[in-house]
Amino acid sequence: MRCKPRGGGPMPVYVVAQGRIENRELLDAYVAQALPTISAHGGRVVAFDETPEVVEGTVEFPRTVIVEFATREAFRAWYDSPEYQAILPQRFEAAPGTLIVAQGLERR
């Protein structure tokens, strides 16, 4: 499926982070620092669950966070920013897991 915005405008992307908490204190410190960097780049957390309902299959990393950015470029500006890169190692240590970016669909 190819996503095309109506009228050629930008489409949002959704960042899906899943992790296994190994150090709650370090994770809390990371989150406190990460949230302002997300907001500064126009992102917003749209979902968060530490114990999501698994309907099919198995989940290796249960903690799930979904963040919306207006464009893929906005996501990249956030992820590659010096402010975020400085704290990223905390997330790797506190809650190892996966991070994927999915193209959003047109809102109707």
PDB file of N, CA and C in Angstrom:
ATOM      1  N   MET A   1       0.846  -1.175   0.000  1.00  0.00           N
ATOM      2  CA  MET A   1       0.000   0.000   0.000  1.00  0.00           C
ATOM      3  C   MET A   1       0.890   1.236   0.000  1.00  0.00           C
ATOM      4  N   ARG A   2       0.589   2.151  -0.868  1.00  0.00           N
ATOM      5  CA  ARG A   2       1.330   3.407  -0.937  1.00  0.00           C
ATOM      6  C   ARG A   2       0.442   4.494  -0.357  1.00  0.00           C
ATOM      7  N   CYS A   3       0.992   5.268   0.559  1.00  0.00           N
ATOM      8  CA  CYS A   3       0.222   6.329   1.213  1.00  0.00           C
ATOM      9  C   CYS A   3       0.451   7.634   0.475  1.00  0.00           C
ATOM     10  N   LYS A   4      -0.626   8.262   0.046  1.00  0.00           N
ATOM     11  CA  LYS A   4      -0.506   9.554  -0.623  1.00  0.00           C
ATOM     12  C   LYS A   4      -1.463  10.530   0.042  1.00  0.00           C
ATOM     13  N   PRO A   5      -0.957  11.663   0.471  1.00  0.00           N
ATOM     14  CA  PRO A   5      -1.845  12.647   1.080  1.00  0.00           C
ATOM     15  C   PRO A   5      -2.722  13.313   0.031  1.00  0.00           C
ATOM     16  N   ARG A   6      -3.931  13.616   0.403  1.00  0.00           N
ATOM     17  CA  ARG A   6      -4.822  14.358  -0.475  1.00  0.00           C
ATOM     18  C   ARG A   6      -4.277  15.774  -0.595  1.00  0.00           C
ATOM     19  N   GLY A   7      -4.152  16.258  -1.795  1.00  0.00           N
ATOM     20  CA  GLY A   7      -3.656  17.613  -1.992  1.00  0.00           C
ATOM     21  C   GLY A   7      -2.149  17.727  -1.858  1.00  0.00           C
ATOM     22  N   GLY A   8      -1.445  16.623  -1.723  1.00  0.00           N
ATOM     23  CA  GLY A   8       0.014  16.661  -1.689  1.00  0.00           C
ATOM     24  C   GLY A   8       0.622  17.139  -0.384  1.00  0.00           C
ATOM     25  N   GLY A   9      -0.156  17.260   0.670  1.00  0.00           N
ATOM     26  CA  GLY A   9       0.376  17.736   1.947  1.00  0.00           C
ATOM     27  C   GLY A   9       1.141  16.661   2.693  1.00  0.00           C
ATOM     28  N   PRO A  10       1.846  17.052   3.732  1.00  0.00           N
ATOM     29  CA  PRO A  10       2.616  16.082   4.515  1.00  0.00           C
ATOM     30  C   PRO A  10       1.701  15.149   5.305  1.00  0.00           C
ATOM     31  N   MET A  11       2.224  13.969   5.590  1.00  0.00           N
ATOM     32  CA  MET A  11       1.474  12.993   6.376  1.00  0.00           C
ATOM     33  C   MET A  11       2.253  12.666   7.640  1.00  0.00           C
ATOM     34  N   PRO A  12       1.541  12.368   8.720  1.00  0.00           N
ATOM     35  CA  PRO A  12       2.234  12.068   9.982  1.00  0.00           C
ATOM     36  C   PRO A  12       2.956  10.727   9.928  1.00  0.00           C
ATOM     37  N   VAL A  13       3.905  10.577  10.838  1.00  0.00           N
ATOM     38  CA  VAL A  13       4.536   9.280  11.063  1.00  0.00           C
ATOM     39  C   VAL A  13       4.343   8.930  12.528  1.00  0.00           C
ATOM     40  N   TYR A  14       4.351   7.638  12.791  1.00  0.00           N
ATOM     41  CA  TYR A  14       4.173   7.144  14.146  1.00  0.00           C
ATOM     42  C   TYR A  14       5.393   6.327  14.535  1.00  0.00           C
ATOM     43  N   VAL A  15       5.978   6.696  15.655  1.00  0.00           N
ATOM     44  CA  VAL A  15       7.146   6.012  16.187  1.00  0.00           C
ATOM     45  C   VAL A  15       6.641   5.040  17.249  1.00  0.00           C
ATOM     46  N   VAL A  16       6.930   3.769  17.063  1.00  0.00           N
ATOM     47  CA  VAL A  16       6.486   2.737  17.993  1.00  0.00           C
ATOM     48  C   VAL A  16       7.719   2.194  18.705  1.00  0.00           C
ATOM     49  N   ALA A  17       7.790   2.460  19.991  1.00  0.00           N
ATOM     50  CA  ALA A  17       8.906   1.982  20.813  1.00  0.00           C
ATOM     51  C   ALA A  17       8.387   0.881  21.723  1.00  0.00           C
ATOM     52  N   GLN A  18       9.073  -0.252  21.711  1.00  0.00           N
ATOM     53  CA  GLN A  18       8.725  -1.336  22.623  1.00  0.00           C
ATOM     54  C   GLN A  18       9.984  -1.746  23.365  1.00  0.00           C
ATOM     55  N   GLY A  19       9.851  -1.929  24.668  1.00  0.00           N
ATOM     56  CA  GLY A  19      11.023  -2.260  25.466  1.00  0.00           C
ATOM     57  C   GLY A  19      10.687  -3.119  26.668  1.00  0.00           C
ATOM     58  N   ARG A  20      11.729  -3.635  27.253  1.00  0.00           N
ATOM     59  CA  ARG A  20      11.634  -4.422  28.487  1.00  0.00           C
ATOM     60  C   ARG A  20      12.352  -3.617  29.566  1.00  0.00           C
ATOM     61  N   ILE A  21      11.640  -3.223  30.595  1.00  0.00           N
ATOM     62  CA  ILE A  21      12.220  -2.376  31.636  1.00  0.00           C
ATOM     63  C   ILE A  21      13.222  -3.175  32.455  1.00  0.00           C
ATOM     64  N   GLU A  22      14.446  -2.688  32.474  1.00  0.00           N
ATOM     65  CA  GLU A  22      15.502  -3.323  33.265  1.00  0.00           C
ATOM     66  C   GLU A  22      16.010  -2.418  34.378  1.00  0.00           C
ATOM     67  N   ASN A  23      15.741  -1.106  34.263  1.00  0.00           N
ATOM     68  CA  ASN A  23      16.179  -0.158  35.285  1.00  0.00           C
ATOM     69  C   ASN A  23      15.154   0.972  35.348  1.00  0.00           C
ATOM     70  N   ARG A  24      14.188   0.835  36.256  1.00  0.00           N
ATOM     71  CA  ARG A  24      13.080   1.798  36.358  1.00  0.00           C
ATOM     72  C   ARG A  24      13.577   3.209  36.656  1.00  0.00           C
ATOM     73  N   GLU A  25      14.505   3.349  37.579  1.00  0.00           N
ATOM     74  CA  GLU A  25      15.000   4.677  37.960  1.00  0.00           C
ATOM     75  C   GLU A  25      15.642   5.377  36.760  1.00  0.00           C
ATOM     76  N   LEU A  26      16.470   4.672  36.026  1.00  0.00           N
ATOM     77  CA  LEU A  26      17.114   5.256  34.852  1.00  0.00           C
ATOM     78  C   LEU A  26      16.088   5.555  33.762  1.00  0.00           C
ATOM     79  N   LEU A  27      15.098   4.684  33.606  1.00  0.00           N
ATOM     80  CA  LEU A  27      14.049   4.920  32.618  1.00  0.00           C
ATOM     81  C   LEU A  27      13.252   6.170  32.961  1.00  0.00           C
ATOM     82  N   ASP A  28      12.899   6.342  34.220  1.00  0.00           N
ATOM     83  CA  ASP A  28      12.163   7.537  34.637  1.00  0.00           C
ATOM     84  C   ASP A  28      12.966   8.803  34.355  1.00  0.00           C
ATOM     85  N   ALA A  29      14.273   8.755  34.592  1.00  0.00           N
ATOM     86  CA  ALA A  29      15.137   9.909  34.306  1.00  0.00           C
ATOM     87  C   ALA A  29      15.181  10.179  32.806  1.00  0.00           C
ATOM     88  N   TYR A  30      15.273   9.127  32.003  1.00  0.00           N
ATOM     89  CA  TYR A  30      15.275   9.268  30.541  1.00  0.00           C
ATOM     90  C   TYR A  30      13.970   9.909  30.071  1.00  0.00           C
ATOM     91  N   VAL A  31      12.827   9.399  30.542  1.00  0.00           N
ATOM     92  CA  VAL A  31      11.525   9.915  30.119  1.00  0.00           C
ATOM     93  C   VAL A  31      11.395  11.396  30.461  1.00  0.00           C
ATOM     94  N   ALA A  32      11.812  11.781  31.662  1.00  0.00           N
ATOM     95  CA  ALA A  32      11.732  13.184  32.082  1.00  0.00           C
ATOM     96  C   ALA A  32      12.532  14.091  31.150  1.00  0.00           C
ATOM     97  N   GLN A  33      13.635  13.587  30.633  1.00  0.00           N
ATOM     98  CA  GLN A  33      14.461  14.372  29.713  1.00  0.00           C
ATOM     99  C   GLN A  33      13.966  14.276  28.267  1.00  0.00           C
ATOM    100  N   ALA A  34      13.419  13.129  27.887  1.00  0.00           N
ATOM    101  CA  ALA A  34      13.013  12.912  26.496  1.00  0.00           C
ATOM    102  C   ALA A  34      11.740  13.663  26.124  1.00  0.00           C
ATOM    103  N   LEU A  35      10.777  13.730  27.025  1.00  0.00           N
ATOM    104  CA  LEU A  35       9.498  14.361  26.692  1.00  0.00           C
ATOM    105  C   LEU A  35       9.645  15.793  26.188  1.00  0.00           C
ATOM    106  N   PRO A  36      10.457  16.642  26.831  1.00  0.00           N
ATOM    107  CA  PRO A  36      10.611  18.000  26.296  1.00  0.00           C
ATOM    108  C   PRO A  36      11.247  18.028  24.900  1.00  0.00           C
ATOM    109  N   THR A  37      12.127  17.078  24.599  1.00  0.00           N
ATOM    110  CA  THR A  37      12.739  17.059  23.263  1.00  0.00           C
ATOM    111  C   THR A  37      11.712  16.656  22.217  1.00  0.00           C
ATOM    112  N   ILE A  38      10.811  15.760  22.573  1.00  0.00           N
ATOM    113  CA  ILE A  38       9.741  15.361  21.647  1.00  0.00           C
ATOM    114  C   ILE A  38       8.844  16.557  21.358  1.00  0.00           C
ATOM    115  N   SER A  39       8.396  17.233  22.404  1.00  0.00           N
ATOM    116  CA  SER A  39       7.530  18.408  22.243  1.00  0.00           C
ATOM    117  C   SER A  39       8.199  19.501  21.432  1.00  0.00           C
ATOM    118  N   ALA A  40       9.482  19.704  21.660  1.00  0.00           N
ATOM    119  CA  ALA A  40      10.220  20.754  20.950  1.00  0.00           C
ATOM    120  C   ALA A  40      10.261  20.514  19.445  1.00  0.00           C
ATOM    121  N   HIS A  41      10.068  19.272  19.030  1.00  0.00           N
ATOM    122  CA  HIS A  41      10.075  18.949  17.602  1.00  0.00           C
ATOM    123  C   HIS A  41       8.667  18.655  17.077  1.00  0.00           C
ATOM    124  N   GLY A  42       7.662  19.079  17.835  1.00  0.00           N
ATOM    125  CA  GLY A  42       6.282  18.947  17.389  1.00  0.00           C
ATOM    126  C   GLY A  42       5.683  17.569  17.573  1.00  0.00           C
ATOM    127  N   GLY A  43       6.373  16.697  18.300  1.00  0.00           N
ATOM    128  CA  GLY A  43       5.853  15.355  18.524  1.00  0.00           C
ATOM    129  C   GLY A  43       4.932  15.312  19.728  1.00  0.00           C
ATOM    130  N   ARG A  44       4.127  14.261  19.774  1.00  0.00           N
ATOM    131  CA  ARG A  44       3.261  14.071  20.935  1.00  0.00           C
ATOM    132  C   ARG A  44       3.059  12.584  21.167  1.00  0.00           C
ATOM    133  N   VAL A  45       3.067  12.207  22.426  1.00  0.00           N
ATOM    134  CA  VAL A  45       2.826  10.814  22.797  1.00  0.00           C
ATOM    135  C   VAL A  45       1.328  10.564  22.652  1.00  0.00           C
ATOM    136  N   VAL A  46       0.967   9.568  21.838  1.00  0.00           N
ATOM    137  CA  VAL A  46      -0.451   9.277  21.610  1.00  0.00           C
ATOM    138  C   VAL A  46      -0.897   7.985  22.283  1.00  0.00           C
ATOM    139  N   ALA A  47       0.052   7.157  22.716  1.00  0.00           N
ATOM    140  CA  ALA A  47      -0.300   5.926  23.433  1.00  0.00           C
ATOM    141  C   ALA A  47       0.876   5.489  24.290  1.00  0.00           C
ATOM    142  N   PHE A  48       0.540   4.894  25.434  1.00  0.00           N
ATOM    143  CA  PHE A  48       1.554   4.385  26.357  1.00  0.00           C
ATOM    144  C   PHE A  48       0.926   3.260  27.160  1.00  0.00           C
ATOM    145  N   ASP A  49       1.618   2.127  27.232  1.00  0.00           N
ATOM    146  CA  ASP A  49       1.099   1.010  28.021  1.00  0.00           C
ATOM    147  C   ASP A  49       2.259   0.100  28.419  1.00  0.00           C
ATOM    148  N   GLU A  50       2.389  -0.153  29.708  1.00  0.00           N
ATOM    149  CA  GLU A  50       3.446  -1.055  30.168  1.00  0.00           C
ATOM    150  C   GLU A  50       3.006  -2.510  30.152  1.00  0.00           C
ATOM    151  N   THR A  51       1.706  -2.741  30.079  1.00  0.00           N
ATOM    152  CA  THR A  51       1.192  -4.114  30.023  1.00  0.00           C
ATOM    153  C   THR A  51       0.072  -4.189  28.981  1.00  0.00           C
ATOM    154  N   PRO A  52       0.403  -4.006  27.699  1.00  0.00           N
ATOM    155  CA  PRO A  52      -0.641  -4.029  26.677  1.00  0.00           C
ATOM    156  C   PRO A  52      -1.254  -5.417  26.529  1.00  0.00           C
ATOM    157  N   GLU A  53      -2.478  -5.438  26.085  1.00  0.00           N
ATOM    158  CA  GLU A  53      -3.155  -6.710  25.821  1.00  0.00           C
ATOM    159  C   GLU A  53      -2.579  -7.308  24.542  1.00  0.00           C
ATOM    160  N   VAL A  54      -2.052  -8.498  24.634  1.00  0.00           N
ATOM    161  CA  VAL A  54      -1.526  -9.196  23.461  1.00  0.00           C
ATOM    162  C   VAL A  54      -2.640 -10.089  22.932  1.00  0.00           C
ATOM    163  N   VAL A  55      -3.145  -9.757  21.767  1.00  0.00           N
ATOM    164  CA  VAL A  55      -4.277 -10.476  21.199  1.00  0.00           C
ATOM    165  C   VAL A  55      -3.810 -11.646  20.332  1.00  0.00           C
ATOM    166  N   GLU A  56      -2.698 -11.459  19.624  1.00  0.00           N
ATOM    167  CA  GLU A  56      -2.151 -12.516  18.775  1.00  0.00           C
ATOM    168  C   GLU A  56      -0.642 -12.569  18.939  1.00  0.00           C
ATOM    169  N   GLY A  57      -0.080 -13.753  18.895  1.00  0.00           N
ATOM    170  CA  GLY A  57       1.365 -13.920  18.941  1.00  0.00           C
ATOM    171  C   GLY A  57       1.942 -13.663  20.320  1.00  0.00           C
ATOM    172  N   THR A  58       3.251 -13.459  20.334  1.00  0.00           N
ATOM    173  CA  THR A  58       3.956 -13.166  21.576  1.00  0.00           C
ATOM    174  C   THR A  58       4.712 -11.857  21.416  1.00  0.00           C
ATOM    175  N   VAL A  59       4.937 -11.191  22.514  1.00  0.00           N
ATOM    176  CA  VAL A  59       5.625  -9.905  22.507  1.00  0.00           C
ATOM    177  C   VAL A  59       6.860 -10.024  23.385  1.00  0.00           C
ATOM    178  N   GLU A  60       8.009  -9.798  22.780  1.00  0.00           N
ATOM    179  CA  GLU A  60       9.261  -9.875  23.529  1.00  0.00           C
ATOM    180  C   GLU A  60       9.444  -8.660  24.433  1.00  0.00           C
ATOM    181  N   PHE A  61       9.024  -7.492  23.930  1.00  0.00           N
ATOM    182  CA  PHE A  61       9.204  -6.235  24.657  1.00  0.00           C
ATOM    183  C   PHE A  61       7.831  -5.610  24.900  1.00  0.00           C
ATOM    184  N   PRO A  62       7.227  -5.819  26.076  1.00  0.00           N
ATOM    185  CA  PRO A  62       5.844  -5.402  26.282  1.00  0.00           C
ATOM    186  C   PRO A  62       5.602  -3.897  26.421  1.00  0.00           C
ATOM    187  N   ARG A  63       6.518  -3.148  27.032  1.00  0.00           N
ATOM    188  CA  ARG A  63       6.275  -1.719  27.244  1.00  0.00           C
ATOM    189  C   ARG A  63       6.190  -1.041  25.884  1.00  0.00           C
ATOM    190  N   THR A  64       5.065  -0.385  25.617  1.00  0.00           N
ATOM    191  CA  THR A  64       4.826   0.191  24.295  1.00  0.00           C
ATOM    192  C   THR A  64       4.507   1.673  24.415  1.00  0.00           C
ATOM    193  N   VAL A  65       5.190   2.458  23.592  1.00  0.00           N
ATOM    194  CA  VAL A  65       4.948   3.896  23.510  1.00  0.00           C
ATOM    195  C   VAL A  65       4.800   4.241  22.035  1.00  0.00           C
ATOM    196  N   ILE A  66       3.782   5.032  21.701  1.00  0.00           N
ATOM    197  CA  ILE A  66       3.593   5.486  20.325  1.00  0.00           C
ATOM    198  C   ILE A  66       3.624   7.006  20.330  1.00  0.00           C
ATOM    199  N   VAL A  67       4.494   7.560  19.480  1.00  0.00           N
ATOM    200  CA  VAL A  67       4.665   9.009  19.374  1.00  0.00           C
ATOM    201  C   VAL A  67       4.340   9.428  17.950  1.00  0.00           C
ATOM    202  N   GLU A  68       3.566  10.487  17.804  1.00  0.00           N
ATOM    203  CA  GLU A  68       3.212  11.018  16.489  1.00  0.00           C
ATOM    204  C   GLU A  68       4.060  12.247  16.182  1.00  0.00           C
ATOM    205  N   PHE A  69       4.586  12.295  14.963  1.00  0.00           N
ATOM    206  CA  PHE A  69       5.262  13.479  14.437  1.00  0.00           C
ATOM    207  C   PHE A  69       4.556  13.887  13.153  1.00  0.00           C
ATOM    208  N   ALA A  70       4.529  15.173  12.860  1.00  0.00           N
ATOM    209  CA  ALA A  70       3.815  15.684  11.688  1.00  0.00           C
ATOM    210  C   ALA A  70       4.373  15.130  10.383  1.00  0.00           C
ATOM    211  N   THR A  71       5.678  14.911  10.337  1.00  0.00           N
ATOM    212  CA  THR A  71       6.329  14.414   9.124  1.00  0.00           C
ATOM    213  C   THR A  71       7.502  13.519   9.509  1.00  0.00           C
ATOM    214  N   ARG A  72       7.982  12.755   8.544  1.00  0.00           N
ATOM    215  CA  ARG A  72       9.175  11.944   8.767  1.00  0.00           C
ATOM    216  C   ARG A  72      10.375  12.850   9.035  1.00  0.00           C
ATOM    217  N   GLU A  73      10.398  14.001   8.391  1.00  0.00           N
ATOM    218  CA  GLU A  73      11.492  14.950   8.609  1.00  0.00           C
ATOM    219  C   GLU A  73      11.495  15.470  10.041  1.00  0.00           C
ATOM    220  N   ALA A  74      10.311  15.719  10.598  1.00  0.00           N
ATOM    221  CA  ALA A  74      10.226  16.169  11.994  1.00  0.00           C
ATOM    222  C   ALA A  74      10.724  15.070  12.931  1.00  0.00           C
ATOM    223  N   PHE A  75      10.358  13.821  12.635  1.00  0.00           N
ATOM    224  CA  PHE A  75      10.871  12.707  13.432  1.00  0.00           C
ATOM    225  C   PHE A  75      12.387  12.678  13.380  1.00  0.00           C
ATOM    226  N   ARG A  76      12.953  12.747  12.170  1.00  0.00           N
ATOM    227  CA  ARG A  76      14.406  12.679  12.006  1.00  0.00           C
ATOM    228  C   ARG A  76      15.098  13.841  12.713  1.00  0.00           C
ATOM    229  N   ALA A  77      14.500  15.027  12.632  1.00  0.00           N
ATOM    230  CA  ALA A  77      15.087  16.191  13.314  1.00  0.00           C
ATOM    231  C   ALA A  77      15.149  15.932  14.814  1.00  0.00           C
ATOM    232  N   TRP A  78      14.103  15.319  15.361  1.00  0.00           N
ATOM    233  CA  TRP A  78      14.103  14.980  16.789  1.00  0.00           C
ATOM    234  C   TRP A  78      15.125  13.895  17.092  1.00  0.00           C
ATOM    235  N   TYR A  79      15.026  12.771  16.386  1.00  0.00           N
ATOM    236  CA  TYR A  79      15.869  11.623  16.705  1.00  0.00           C
ATOM    237  C   TYR A  79      17.348  11.952  16.559  1.00  0.00           C
ATOM    238  N   ASP A  80      17.701  12.707  15.541  1.00  0.00           N
ATOM    239  CA  ASP A  80      19.104  13.039  15.274  1.00  0.00           C
ATOM    240  C   ASP A  80      19.602  14.263  16.040  1.00  0.00           C
ATOM    241  N   SER A  81      18.710  14.928  16.782  1.00  0.00           N
ATOM    242  CA  SER A  81      19.110  16.151  17.488  1.00  0.00           C
ATOM    243  C   SER A  81      20.161  15.849  18.555  1.00  0.00           C
ATOM    244  N   PRO A  82      21.081  16.780  18.772  1.00  0.00           N
ATOM    245  CA  PRO A  82      22.092  16.581  19.816  1.00  0.00           C
ATOM    246  C   PRO A  82      21.467  16.360  21.198  1.00  0.00           C
ATOM    247  N   GLU A  83      20.350  17.037  21.472  1.00  0.00           N
ATOM    248  CA  GLU A  83      19.691  16.908  22.775  1.00  0.00           C
ATOM    249  C   GLU A  83      19.197  15.475  22.998  1.00  0.00           C
ATOM    250  N   TYR A  84      18.585  14.895  21.968  1.00  0.00           N
ATOM    251  CA  TYR A  84      18.078  13.536  22.132  1.00  0.00           C
ATOM    252  C   TYR A  84      19.212  12.519  22.093  1.00  0.00           C
ATOM    253  N   GLN A  85      20.152  12.693  21.211  1.00  0.00           N
ATOM    254  CA  GLN A  85      21.271  11.752  21.122  1.00  0.00           C
ATOM    255  C   GLN A  85      22.052  11.682  22.435  1.00  0.00           C
ATOM    256  N   ALA A  86      22.079  12.795  23.173  1.00  0.00           N
ATOM    257  CA  ALA A  86      22.800  12.821  24.454  1.00  0.00           C
ATOM    258  C   ALA A  86      22.150  11.916  25.502  1.00  0.00           C
ATOM    259  N   ILE A  87      20.829  11.735  25.426  1.00  0.00           N
ATOM    260  CA  ILE A  87      20.139  10.919  26.433  1.00  0.00           C
ATOM    261  C   ILE A  87      19.775   9.522  25.933  1.00  0.00           C
ATOM    262  N   LEU A  88      19.895   9.280  24.641  1.00  0.00           N
ATOM    263  CA  LEU A  88      19.515   7.995  24.060  1.00  0.00           C
ATOM    264  C   LEU A  88      20.189   6.791  24.723  1.00  0.00           C
ATOM    265  N   PRO A  89      21.468   6.860  25.083  1.00  0.00           N
ATOM    266  CA  PRO A  89      22.091   5.703  25.747  1.00  0.00           C
ATOM    267  C   PRO A  89      21.375   5.284  27.037  1.00  0.00           C
ATOM    268  N   GLN A  90      20.719   6.233  27.707  1.00  0.00           N
ATOM    269  CA  GLN A  90      19.956   5.886  28.912  1.00  0.00           C
ATOM    270  C   GLN A  90      18.817   4.933  28.572  1.00  0.00           C
ATOM    271  N   ARG A  91      18.148   5.187  27.431  1.00  0.00           N
ATOM    272  CA  ARG A  91      17.046   4.307  27.038  1.00  0.00           C
ATOM    273  C   ARG A  91      17.562   2.916  26.704  1.00  0.00           C
ATOM    274  N   PHE A  92      18.686   2.848  25.992  1.00  0.00           N
ATOM    275  CA  PHE A  92      19.261   1.544  25.648  1.00  0.00           C
ATOM    276  C   PHE A  92      19.552   0.727  26.902  1.00  0.00           C
ATOM    277  N   GLU A  93      20.054   1.388  27.927  1.00  0.00           N
ATOM    278  CA  GLU A  93      20.399   0.692  29.169  1.00  0.00           C
ATOM    279  C   GLU A  93      19.166   0.389  30.018  1.00  0.00           C
ATOM    280  N   ALA A  94      18.247   1.341  30.096  1.00  0.00           N
ATOM    281  CA  ALA A  94      17.093   1.207  30.984  1.00  0.00           C
ATOM    282  C   ALA A  94      16.017   0.271  30.448  1.00  0.00           C
ATOM    283  N   ALA A  95      15.808   0.301  29.137  1.00  0.00           N
ATOM    284  CA  ALA A  95      14.717  -0.487  28.548  1.00  0.00           C
ATOM    285  C   ALA A  95      15.078  -0.899  27.124  1.00  0.00           C
ATOM    286  N   PRO A  96      15.945  -1.896  26.986  1.00  0.00           N
ATOM    287  CA  PRO A  96      16.305  -2.337  25.639  1.00  0.00           C
ATOM    288  C   PRO A  96      15.073  -2.831  24.890  1.00  0.00           C
ATOM    289  N   GLY A  97      15.068  -2.609  23.588  1.00  0.00           N
ATOM    290  CA  GLY A  97      13.917  -3.032  22.804  1.00  0.00           C
ATOM    291  C   GLY A  97      14.039  -2.636  21.356  1.00  0.00           C
ATOM    292  N   THR A  98      12.908  -2.269  20.767  1.00  0.00           N
ATOM    293  CA  THR A  98      12.863  -1.909  19.355  1.00  0.00           C
ATOM    294  C   THR A  98      12.228  -0.542  19.168  1.00  0.00           C
ATOM    295  N   LEU A  99      12.550   0.083  18.032  1.00  0.00           N
ATOM    296  CA  LEU A  99      11.963   1.368  17.658  1.00  0.00           C
ATOM    297  C   LEU A  99      11.688   1.294  16.169  1.00  0.00           C
ATOM    298  N   ILE A 100      10.430   1.478  15.777  1.00  0.00           N
ATOM    299  CA  ILE A 100      10.090   1.490  14.361  1.00  0.00           C
ATOM    300  C   ILE A 100       9.331   2.766  14.045  1.00  0.00           C
ATOM    301  N   VAL A 101       9.364   3.152  12.775  1.00  0.00           N
ATOM    302  CA  VAL A 101       8.638   4.330  12.315  1.00  0.00           C
ATOM    303  C   VAL A 101       7.688   3.879  11.214  1.00  0.00           C
ATOM    304  N   ALA A 102       6.400   4.182  11.368  1.00  0.00           N
ATOM    305  CA  ALA A 102       5.387   3.798  10.387  1.00  0.00           C
ATOM    306  C   ALA A 102       4.722   5.048   9.823  1.00  0.00           C
ATOM    307  N   GLN A 103       4.524   5.046   8.523  1.00  0.00           N
ATOM    308  CA  GLN A 103       3.852   6.155   7.846  1.00  0.00           C
ATOM    309  C   GLN A 103       2.388   6.187   8.246  1.00  0.00           C
ATOM    310  N   GLY A 104       1.893   7.359   8.599  1.00  0.00           N
ATOM    311  CA  GLY A 104       0.486   7.512   8.937  1.00  0.00           C
ATOM    312  C   GLY A 104      -0.380   7.564   7.695  1.00  0.00           C
ATOM    313  N   LEU A 105      -1.670   7.429   7.880  1.00  0.00           N
ATOM    314  CA  LEU A 105      -2.632   7.502   6.791  1.00  0.00           C
ATOM    315  C   LEU A 105      -3.385   8.812   6.850  1.00  0.00           C
ATOM    316  N   GLU A 106      -4.005   9.142   5.752  1.00  0.00           N
ATOM    317  CA  GLU A 106      -4.789  10.360   5.652  1.00  0.00           C
ATOM    318  C   GLU A 106      -5.938  10.328   6.655  1.00  0.00           C
ATOM    319  N   ARG A 107      -6.144  11.427   7.334  1.00  0.00           N
ATOM    320  CA  ARG A 107      -7.281  11.538   8.259  1.00  0.00           C
ATOM    321  C   ARG A 107      -8.512  11.940   7.480  1.00  0.00           C
ATOM    322  N   ARG A 108      -9.634  11.345   7.824  1.00  0.00           N
ATOM    323  CA  ARG A 108     -10.883  11.666   7.106  1.00  0.00           C
ATOM    324  C   ARG A 108     -11.865  12.313   8.025  1.00  0.00           C
TER     325      ARG A 108
END
